[in-house]
């Protein structure tokens, strides 16, 4: 691998989009059902807690997997990936400054990158002007860290 290929693979910023720790809610639901059975005095019937464990874990697995695909963020020296959409760093003309408190900027109505209909919950947008008159919003939970990394790659933010 050449130095250039190694630099392209270097990840400057990463957010996974979802955490697998939520899968522990499945066994917790099974344990809660077991406790309910015990407190009811009927004894434990292992089918009900097992079913709750499997069902809750299964639904959560689907949700977490989707979040890790659609709300993950990765920035390398050449590309910004938002979910499944890629934006080339060379296409970014400028990054709009963070809005002042209690003000709404025009860029906050721009399309969010990724295939989602808007910025995912818990994330904050970063306005960008792209080549050919295009524009959009990058987003992340740690948006100030992503903004700083993007500004170091693109240059100074726009006024």
N, C-alpha and C. Protein backbone atom coordinates (compact mmCIF):
# COMPACT_ATOMS: atom_id res chain seq x y z
N UNK A 1 0.85 -1.18 0.00
CA UNK A 1 0.00 0.00 0.00
C UNK A 1 0.89 1.24 0.00
N UNK A 2 0.58 2.18 -0.86
CA UNK A 2 1.36 3.41 -0.93
C UNK A 2 0.94 4.36 0.19
N UNK A 3 1.74 5.41 0.39
CA UNK A 3 1.41 6.41 1.41
C UNK A 3 0.09 7.10 1.10
N UNK A 4 -0.16 7.33 -0.19
CA UNK A 4 -1.41 7.99 -0.58
C UNK A 4 -2.62 7.12 -0.23
N UNK A 5 -2.56 5.83 -0.53
CA UNK A 5 -3.67 4.92 -0.20
C UNK A 5 -3.86 4.83 1.30
N UNK A 6 -2.77 4.85 2.05
CA UNK A 6 -2.88 4.80 3.51
C UNK A 6 -3.54 6.06 4.05
N UNK A 7 -3.20 7.22 3.46
CA UNK A 7 -3.82 8.48 3.89
C UNK A 7 -5.30 8.50 3.57
N UNK A 8 -5.70 7.91 2.43
CA UNK A 8 -7.11 7.88 2.06
C UNK A 8 -7.91 6.99 3.01
N UNK A 9 -7.28 5.98 3.58
CA UNK A 9 -7.97 5.08 4.48
C UNK A 9 -8.05 5.61 5.91
N UNK A 10 -7.26 6.65 6.23
CA UNK A 10 -7.24 7.22 7.57
C UNK A 10 -8.60 7.83 7.90
N UNK A 11 -9.18 7.43 9.02
CA UNK A 11 -10.47 7.95 9.44
C UNK A 11 -10.24 9.10 10.41
N UNK A 12 -10.74 10.28 10.03
CA UNK A 12 -10.56 11.48 10.85
C UNK A 12 -11.69 11.65 11.87
N UNK A 13 -12.87 11.14 11.54
CA UNK A 13 -14.03 11.25 12.42
C UNK A 13 -14.93 10.06 12.15
N UNK A 14 -15.49 9.49 13.22
CA UNK A 14 -16.38 8.33 13.05
C UNK A 14 -17.43 8.32 14.15
N UNK A 15 -18.67 8.10 13.77
CA UNK A 15 -19.76 7.83 14.71
C UNK A 15 -20.50 6.60 14.18
N UNK A 16 -20.67 5.58 15.01
CA UNK A 16 -21.27 4.34 14.53
C UNK A 16 -22.76 4.42 14.25
N UNK A 17 -23.47 5.37 14.83
CA UNK A 17 -24.90 5.51 14.57
C UNK A 17 -25.79 4.78 15.55
N UNK A 18 -25.33 3.73 16.15
CA UNK A 18 -26.12 2.97 17.12
C UNK A 18 -25.20 2.07 17.93
N UNK A 19 -25.60 1.76 19.14
CA UNK A 19 -24.77 0.93 20.00
C UNK A 19 -25.43 -0.42 20.25
N UNK A 20 -24.61 -1.45 20.26
CA UNK A 20 -25.12 -2.80 20.48
C UNK A 20 -25.51 -3.05 21.93
N UNK A 21 -25.15 -2.15 22.83
CA UNK A 21 -25.49 -2.31 24.24
C UNK A 21 -27.00 -2.42 24.46
N UNK A 22 -27.80 -1.83 23.56
CA UNK A 22 -29.25 -1.89 23.69
C UNK A 22 -29.77 -3.32 23.63
N UNK A 23 -29.01 -4.24 23.07
CA UNK A 23 -29.45 -5.64 23.01
C UNK A 23 -29.62 -6.25 24.40
N UNK A 24 -29.00 -5.66 25.40
CA UNK A 24 -29.16 -6.16 26.77
C UNK A 24 -30.58 -5.97 27.29
N UNK A 25 -31.37 -5.15 26.61
CA UNK A 25 -32.77 -4.98 27.01
C UNK A 25 -33.57 -6.26 26.78
N UNK A 26 -33.16 -7.10 25.84
CA UNK A 26 -33.85 -8.38 25.61
C UNK A 26 -33.77 -9.30 26.82
N UNK A 27 -32.57 -9.62 27.31
CA UNK A 27 -32.49 -10.43 28.52
C UNK A 27 -33.11 -9.73 29.73
N UNK A 28 -33.06 -8.40 29.79
CA UNK A 28 -33.69 -7.68 30.90
C UNK A 28 -35.21 -7.87 30.85
N UNK A 29 -35.79 -7.86 29.65
CA UNK A 29 -37.23 -8.10 29.52
C UNK A 29 -37.58 -9.52 29.94
N UNK A 30 -36.74 -10.48 29.56
CA UNK A 30 -36.97 -11.87 29.99
C UNK A 30 -36.87 -12.00 31.50
N UNK A 31 -35.89 -11.35 32.11
CA UNK A 31 -35.74 -11.40 33.56
C UNK A 31 -36.93 -10.74 34.26
N UNK A 32 -37.42 -9.64 33.69
CA UNK A 32 -38.60 -8.97 34.26
C UNK A 32 -39.81 -9.89 34.21
N UNK A 33 -39.99 -10.60 33.11
CA UNK A 33 -41.12 -11.54 33.02
C UNK A 33 -40.96 -12.68 34.03
N UNK A 34 -39.72 -13.13 34.22
CA UNK A 34 -39.47 -14.18 35.21
C UNK A 34 -39.81 -13.67 36.62
N UNK A 35 -39.44 -12.43 36.91
CA UNK A 35 -39.76 -11.83 38.21
C UNK A 35 -41.27 -11.70 38.40
N UNK A 36 -41.98 -11.29 37.34
CA UNK A 36 -43.43 -11.16 37.42
C UNK A 36 -44.07 -12.52 37.70
N UNK A 37 -43.56 -13.57 37.04
CA UNK A 37 -44.09 -14.91 37.29
C UNK A 37 -43.83 -15.34 38.73
N UNK A 38 -42.62 -15.08 39.21
CA UNK A 38 -42.29 -15.47 40.59
C UNK A 38 -43.13 -14.70 41.61
N UNK A 39 -43.32 -13.42 41.39
CA UNK A 39 -44.08 -12.60 42.34
C UNK A 39 -45.57 -12.95 42.30
N UNK A 40 -46.03 -13.52 41.20
CA UNK A 40 -47.43 -13.94 41.09
C UNK A 40 -47.71 -15.25 41.79
N UNK A 41 -46.66 -15.97 42.17
CA UNK A 41 -46.81 -17.22 42.92
C UNK A 41 -47.10 -18.44 42.06
N UNK A 42 -47.07 -18.33 40.75
CA UNK A 42 -47.38 -19.47 39.89
C UNK A 42 -46.13 -20.27 39.51
N UNK A 43 -44.98 -19.83 39.94
CA UNK A 43 -43.74 -20.49 39.54
C UNK A 43 -43.27 -19.97 38.20
N UNK A 44 -42.16 -20.48 37.73
CA UNK A 44 -41.58 -20.01 36.48
C UNK A 44 -41.91 -20.96 35.34
N UNK A 45 -42.46 -20.41 34.28
CA UNK A 45 -42.65 -21.15 33.03
C UNK A 45 -41.66 -20.53 32.05
N UNK A 46 -40.61 -21.23 31.72
CA UNK A 46 -39.48 -20.66 30.98
C UNK A 46 -39.82 -20.23 29.55
N UNK A 47 -40.92 -20.68 29.01
CA UNK A 47 -41.29 -20.30 27.64
C UNK A 47 -41.59 -18.82 27.51
N UNK A 48 -42.28 -18.24 28.49
CA UNK A 48 -42.65 -16.82 28.42
C UNK A 48 -41.41 -15.92 28.52
N UNK A 49 -40.54 -16.09 29.53
CA UNK A 49 -39.34 -15.25 29.56
C UNK A 49 -38.44 -15.45 28.33
N UNK A 50 -38.35 -16.68 27.86
CA UNK A 50 -37.53 -16.95 26.67
C UNK A 50 -38.11 -16.24 25.45
N UNK A 51 -39.43 -16.27 25.31
CA UNK A 51 -40.08 -15.59 24.19
C UNK A 51 -39.85 -14.09 24.26
N UNK A 52 -39.99 -13.50 25.44
CA UNK A 52 -39.74 -12.06 25.59
C UNK A 52 -38.29 -11.72 25.25
N UNK A 53 -37.36 -12.54 25.73
CA UNK A 53 -35.94 -12.30 25.44
C UNK A 53 -35.68 -12.32 23.94
N UNK A 54 -36.21 -13.33 23.26
CA UNK A 54 -35.98 -13.47 21.82
C UNK A 54 -36.67 -12.37 21.03
N UNK A 55 -37.92 -12.07 21.35
CA UNK A 55 -38.65 -11.05 20.61
C UNK A 55 -38.05 -9.65 20.79
N UNK A 56 -37.79 -9.27 22.03
CA UNK A 56 -37.23 -7.93 22.28
C UNK A 56 -35.85 -7.82 21.65
N UNK A 57 -35.01 -8.83 21.82
CA UNK A 57 -33.67 -8.80 21.23
C UNK A 57 -33.73 -8.75 19.71
N UNK A 58 -34.65 -9.50 19.12
CA UNK A 58 -34.78 -9.51 17.66
C UNK A 58 -35.19 -8.16 17.10
N UNK A 59 -36.21 -7.54 17.70
CA UNK A 59 -36.63 -6.22 17.23
C UNK A 59 -35.53 -5.18 17.43
N UNK A 60 -34.86 -5.24 18.56
CA UNK A 60 -33.78 -4.28 18.81
C UNK A 60 -32.62 -4.49 17.85
N UNK A 61 -32.31 -5.74 17.53
CA UNK A 61 -31.23 -6.03 16.59
C UNK A 61 -31.51 -5.35 15.25
N UNK A 62 -32.76 -5.45 14.78
CA UNK A 62 -33.14 -4.83 13.51
C UNK A 62 -32.96 -3.31 13.59
N UNK A 63 -33.43 -2.70 14.68
CA UNK A 63 -33.33 -1.26 14.84
C UNK A 63 -31.86 -0.79 14.91
N UNK A 64 -31.06 -1.51 15.66
CA UNK A 64 -29.65 -1.13 15.81
C UNK A 64 -28.91 -1.28 14.48
N UNK A 65 -29.17 -2.37 13.78
CA UNK A 65 -28.52 -2.60 12.49
C UNK A 65 -28.88 -1.48 11.51
N UNK A 66 -30.16 -1.09 11.49
CA UNK A 66 -30.58 0.01 10.61
C UNK A 66 -29.92 1.33 11.02
N UNK A 67 -29.83 1.59 12.31
CA UNK A 67 -29.18 2.83 12.78
C UNK A 67 -27.71 2.83 12.41
N UNK A 68 -27.05 1.69 12.51
CA UNK A 68 -25.62 1.63 12.18
C UNK A 68 -25.37 1.81 10.69
N UNK A 69 -26.37 1.52 9.86
CA UNK A 69 -26.23 1.73 8.42
C UNK A 69 -26.61 3.16 8.05
N UNK A 70 -27.75 3.63 8.53
CA UNK A 70 -28.32 4.88 8.03
C UNK A 70 -27.94 6.13 8.83
N UNK A 71 -27.46 5.99 10.06
CA UNK A 71 -27.10 7.19 10.83
C UNK A 71 -25.64 7.19 11.26
N UNK A 72 -24.82 6.41 10.59
CA UNK A 72 -23.39 6.44 10.90
C UNK A 72 -22.71 7.53 10.06
N UNK A 73 -21.60 8.03 10.59
CA UNK A 73 -20.85 9.10 9.93
C UNK A 73 -19.38 8.70 9.91
N UNK A 74 -18.73 8.95 8.77
CA UNK A 74 -17.29 8.69 8.68
C UNK A 74 -16.66 9.74 7.78
N UNK A 75 -15.60 10.32 8.27
CA UNK A 75 -14.86 11.34 7.51
C UNK A 75 -13.44 10.86 7.30
N UNK A 76 -13.02 10.84 6.05
CA UNK A 76 -11.63 10.55 5.68
C UNK A 76 -11.09 11.80 4.98
N UNK A 77 -9.81 11.85 4.67
CA UNK A 77 -9.28 13.03 3.98
C UNK A 77 -9.91 13.29 2.61
N UNK A 78 -10.57 12.28 2.02
CA UNK A 78 -11.14 12.46 0.68
C UNK A 78 -12.66 12.43 0.63
N UNK A 79 -13.31 11.80 1.60
CA UNK A 79 -14.77 11.67 1.54
C UNK A 79 -15.42 11.84 2.91
N UNK A 80 -16.68 12.26 2.87
CA UNK A 80 -17.54 12.31 4.03
C UNK A 80 -18.69 11.35 3.74
N UNK A 81 -18.87 10.36 4.61
CA UNK A 81 -19.98 9.42 4.44
C UNK A 81 -21.02 9.71 5.50
N UNK A 82 -22.25 9.97 5.08
CA UNK A 82 -23.40 10.19 5.96
C UNK A 82 -24.40 9.10 5.64
N UNK A 83 -24.51 8.09 6.49
CA UNK A 83 -25.36 6.95 6.18
C UNK A 83 -24.77 6.22 4.99
N UNK A 84 -25.54 6.15 3.90
CA UNK A 84 -25.03 5.48 2.70
C UNK A 84 -24.65 6.47 1.59
N UNK A 85 -24.72 7.77 1.88
CA UNK A 85 -24.36 8.78 0.88
C UNK A 85 -22.93 9.27 1.11
N UNK A 86 -22.21 9.41 0.01
CA UNK A 86 -20.83 9.89 0.06
C UNK A 86 -20.75 11.28 -0.56
N UNK A 87 -20.02 12.17 0.11
CA UNK A 87 -19.75 13.51 -0.41
C UNK A 87 -18.23 13.63 -0.50
N UNK A 88 -17.75 13.99 -1.67
CA UNK A 88 -16.31 14.16 -1.86
C UNK A 88 -15.89 15.48 -1.24
N UNK A 89 -14.81 15.46 -0.49
CA UNK A 89 -14.31 16.68 0.18
C UNK A 89 -14.01 17.76 -0.86
N UNK A 90 -13.53 17.36 -2.04
CA UNK A 90 -13.22 18.32 -3.09
C UNK A 90 -14.47 19.05 -3.58
N UNK A 91 -15.67 18.48 -3.38
CA UNK A 91 -16.92 19.12 -3.80
C UNK A 91 -17.42 20.16 -2.80
N UNK A 92 -16.85 20.21 -1.61
CA UNK A 92 -17.30 21.16 -0.59
C UNK A 92 -16.61 22.50 -0.84
N UNK A 93 -17.43 23.52 -1.12
CA UNK A 93 -16.91 24.86 -1.40
C UNK A 93 -16.71 25.61 -0.08
N UNK A 94 -17.73 25.59 0.78
CA UNK A 94 -17.60 26.26 2.08
C UNK A 94 -18.51 25.62 3.10
N UNK A 95 -18.17 25.87 4.35
CA UNK A 95 -18.95 25.39 5.48
C UNK A 95 -19.51 26.61 6.19
N UNK A 96 -20.82 26.64 6.35
CA UNK A 96 -21.46 27.79 6.99
C UNK A 96 -21.19 27.77 8.50
N UNK A 97 -21.06 28.94 9.11
CA UNK A 97 -20.78 28.98 10.55
C UNK A 97 -21.98 28.49 11.36
N UNK A 98 -21.69 28.08 12.57
CA UNK A 98 -22.72 27.61 13.48
C UNK A 98 -23.70 28.77 13.74
N UNK A 99 -25.00 28.50 13.77
CA UNK A 99 -25.95 29.60 13.99
C UNK A 99 -25.82 30.17 15.39
N UNK A 100 -26.11 31.46 15.49
CA UNK A 100 -26.10 32.11 16.80
C UNK A 100 -27.31 31.60 17.59
N UNK A 101 -27.23 31.72 18.88
CA UNK A 101 -28.30 31.23 19.75
C UNK A 101 -29.64 31.87 19.37
N UNK A 102 -30.67 31.06 19.26
CA UNK A 102 -32.05 31.49 18.97
C UNK A 102 -32.21 32.13 17.59
N UNK A 103 -31.33 31.84 16.68
CA UNK A 103 -31.46 32.33 15.31
C UNK A 103 -31.57 31.14 14.37
N UNK A 104 -32.30 31.33 13.29
CA UNK A 104 -32.42 30.29 12.29
C UNK A 104 -31.73 30.78 11.02
N UNK A 105 -30.80 29.99 10.53
CA UNK A 105 -30.06 30.34 9.32
C UNK A 105 -30.72 29.66 8.12
N UNK A 106 -30.52 30.22 6.95
CA UNK A 106 -31.10 29.67 5.72
C UNK A 106 -30.62 28.24 5.48
N UNK A 107 -29.36 27.96 5.79
CA UNK A 107 -28.82 26.64 5.50
C UNK A 107 -29.47 25.55 6.35
N UNK A 108 -30.16 25.91 7.43
CA UNK A 108 -30.81 24.91 8.27
C UNK A 108 -32.02 24.27 7.59
N UNK A 109 -32.44 24.84 6.46
CA UNK A 109 -33.54 24.23 5.69
C UNK A 109 -33.02 23.41 4.51
N UNK A 110 -31.71 23.34 4.33
CA UNK A 110 -31.14 22.56 3.23
C UNK A 110 -31.38 21.07 3.47
N UNK A 111 -31.28 20.31 2.39
CA UNK A 111 -31.43 18.86 2.43
C UNK A 111 -30.35 18.23 3.30
N UNK A 112 -30.73 17.27 4.12
CA UNK A 112 -29.76 16.54 4.93
C UNK A 112 -29.11 15.46 4.07
N UNK A 113 -27.80 15.30 4.20
CA UNK A 113 -27.12 14.23 3.48
C UNK A 113 -27.57 12.88 4.04
N UNK A 114 -27.42 11.86 3.23
CA UNK A 114 -27.92 10.54 3.59
C UNK A 114 -29.28 10.37 2.93
N UNK A 115 -29.81 9.19 2.98
CA UNK A 115 -31.09 8.93 2.32
C UNK A 115 -32.28 9.16 3.23
N UNK A 116 -32.06 9.73 4.40
CA UNK A 116 -33.13 10.02 5.34
C UNK A 116 -33.85 11.30 4.94
N UNK A 117 -35.07 11.47 5.43
CA UNK A 117 -35.85 12.65 5.06
C UNK A 117 -35.42 13.90 5.80
N UNK A 118 -34.62 13.77 6.84
CA UNK A 118 -34.14 14.91 7.60
C UNK A 118 -32.97 14.50 8.47
N UNK A 119 -32.55 15.43 9.30
CA UNK A 119 -31.45 15.13 10.21
C UNK A 119 -31.95 14.16 11.28
N UNK A 120 -31.22 13.08 11.52
CA UNK A 120 -31.67 12.12 12.53
C UNK A 120 -31.76 12.74 13.92
N UNK A 121 -32.64 12.21 14.73
CA UNK A 121 -32.84 12.71 16.09
C UNK A 121 -31.53 12.63 16.87
N UNK A 122 -31.28 13.67 17.65
CA UNK A 122 -30.08 13.70 18.47
C UNK A 122 -28.84 14.21 17.75
N UNK A 123 -28.98 14.53 16.48
CA UNK A 123 -27.85 15.05 15.71
C UNK A 123 -28.08 16.52 15.40
N UNK A 124 -27.00 17.22 15.09
CA UNK A 124 -27.07 18.64 14.75
C UNK A 124 -26.48 18.83 13.36
N UNK A 125 -27.12 19.69 12.57
CA UNK A 125 -26.70 19.91 11.20
C UNK A 125 -25.53 20.87 11.07
N UNK A 126 -24.80 20.70 9.97
CA UNK A 126 -23.69 21.57 9.59
C UNK A 126 -23.93 21.95 8.14
N UNK A 127 -24.21 23.23 7.88
CA UNK A 127 -24.52 23.68 6.53
C UNK A 127 -23.30 23.71 5.64
N UNK A 128 -23.49 23.28 4.38
CA UNK A 128 -22.39 23.26 3.41
C UNK A 128 -22.86 23.72 2.05
N UNK A 129 -22.00 24.44 1.38
CA UNK A 129 -22.22 24.79 -0.02
C UNK A 129 -21.30 23.89 -0.82
N UNK A 130 -21.86 23.25 -1.85
CA UNK A 130 -21.09 22.34 -2.68
C UNK A 130 -20.89 22.94 -4.07
N UNK A 131 -20.12 22.27 -4.88
CA UNK A 131 -19.89 22.73 -6.26
C UNK A 131 -21.19 22.67 -7.05
N UNK A 132 -21.23 23.34 -8.17
CA UNK A 132 -22.38 23.37 -9.07
C UNK A 132 -23.65 23.92 -8.42
N UNK A 133 -23.50 24.79 -7.42
CA UNK A 133 -24.65 25.41 -6.78
C UNK A 133 -25.44 24.51 -5.85
N UNK A 134 -24.94 23.32 -5.59
CA UNK A 134 -25.63 22.40 -4.68
C UNK A 134 -25.33 22.80 -3.24
N UNK A 135 -26.18 22.33 -2.33
CA UNK A 135 -25.98 22.59 -0.92
C UNK A 135 -26.58 21.45 -0.11
N UNK A 136 -26.28 21.41 1.16
CA UNK A 136 -26.82 20.37 2.02
C UNK A 136 -26.34 20.52 3.44
N UNK A 137 -26.77 19.58 4.27
CA UNK A 137 -26.37 19.58 5.67
C UNK A 137 -25.73 18.25 6.03
N UNK A 138 -24.53 18.33 6.55
CA UNK A 138 -23.94 17.16 7.20
C UNK A 138 -24.50 17.16 8.61
N UNK A 139 -24.39 16.07 9.34
CA UNK A 139 -24.92 15.99 10.69
C UNK A 139 -24.14 14.99 11.51
N UNK A 140 -24.14 15.20 12.81
CA UNK A 140 -23.46 14.29 13.73
C UNK A 140 -23.90 14.61 15.15
N UNK A 141 -23.73 13.65 16.04
CA UNK A 141 -23.97 13.91 17.47
C UNK A 141 -22.90 14.86 17.99
N UNK A 142 -21.64 14.55 17.68
CA UNK A 142 -20.51 15.40 18.08
C UNK A 142 -20.23 16.36 16.92
N UNK A 143 -21.20 17.24 16.64
CA UNK A 143 -21.14 18.09 15.46
C UNK A 143 -19.98 19.08 15.50
N UNK A 144 -19.59 19.53 16.67
CA UNK A 144 -18.46 20.49 16.73
C UNK A 144 -17.15 19.81 16.35
N UNK A 145 -16.99 18.55 16.73
CA UNK A 145 -15.79 17.80 16.35
C UNK A 145 -15.77 17.57 14.84
N UNK A 146 -16.92 17.18 14.28
CA UNK A 146 -17.01 16.99 12.83
C UNK A 146 -16.77 18.31 12.10
N UNK A 147 -17.36 19.39 12.60
CA UNK A 147 -17.18 20.71 11.98
C UNK A 147 -15.70 21.09 11.96
N UNK A 148 -15.01 20.90 13.08
CA UNK A 148 -13.58 21.25 13.14
C UNK A 148 -12.78 20.41 12.15
N UNK A 149 -13.09 19.13 12.05
CA UNK A 149 -12.36 18.27 11.11
C UNK A 149 -12.64 18.67 9.67
N UNK A 150 -13.90 19.00 9.38
CA UNK A 150 -14.24 19.44 8.02
C UNK A 150 -13.57 20.76 7.68
N UNK A 151 -13.58 21.70 8.62
CA UNK A 151 -12.95 22.99 8.37
C UNK A 151 -11.46 22.86 8.15
N UNK A 152 -10.82 21.90 8.83
CA UNK A 152 -9.39 21.70 8.62
C UNK A 152 -9.11 21.14 7.22
N UNK A 153 -10.06 20.39 6.67
CA UNK A 153 -9.89 19.84 5.31
C UNK A 153 -10.28 20.84 4.23
N UNK A 154 -11.34 21.62 4.48
CA UNK A 154 -11.88 22.51 3.47
C UNK A 154 -11.26 23.89 3.53
N UNK A 155 -11.03 24.39 4.72
CA UNK A 155 -10.52 25.75 4.88
C UNK A 155 -11.39 26.47 5.90
N UNK A 156 -11.28 27.77 5.91
CA UNK A 156 -12.02 28.59 6.89
C UNK A 156 -13.51 28.55 6.60
N UNK A 157 -14.34 28.65 7.65
CA UNK A 157 -15.79 28.69 7.42
C UNK A 157 -16.20 29.99 6.75
N UNK A 158 -17.35 29.92 6.08
CA UNK A 158 -17.88 31.14 5.40
C UNK A 158 -18.44 32.10 6.42
N UNK A 159 -18.48 33.37 6.07
CA UNK A 159 -19.05 34.35 6.98
C UNK A 159 -20.51 34.52 6.69
